Amino acid sequence: MDGRNRNVIKPGIEVAIVLKQHQRSGQLTEGIVKDILTNSSFHPHGIKVRLEDGQVGRVKEIL
């Protein structure tokens, strides 16, 4: 499942995000969602989240 719809992303779920510095390469980082940072219900590049370890990026996959 992809991470473009906000209603499927909840704090505590495991996701794969792309960090700002990895947008060109598409390298994914896995972690647990702490906060949802995007306010809109849909974003074409993925909903922006903060992981429990503090990293911020856009959700590409829900694991």
Foldseek 3Di string as FASTA:
>chain_A
DFAFFPVVDDFFFKFWFAAPVCPVVPDTDIATFDAFDDDDRGDPVATWTAGPVGGIGGTGGGD
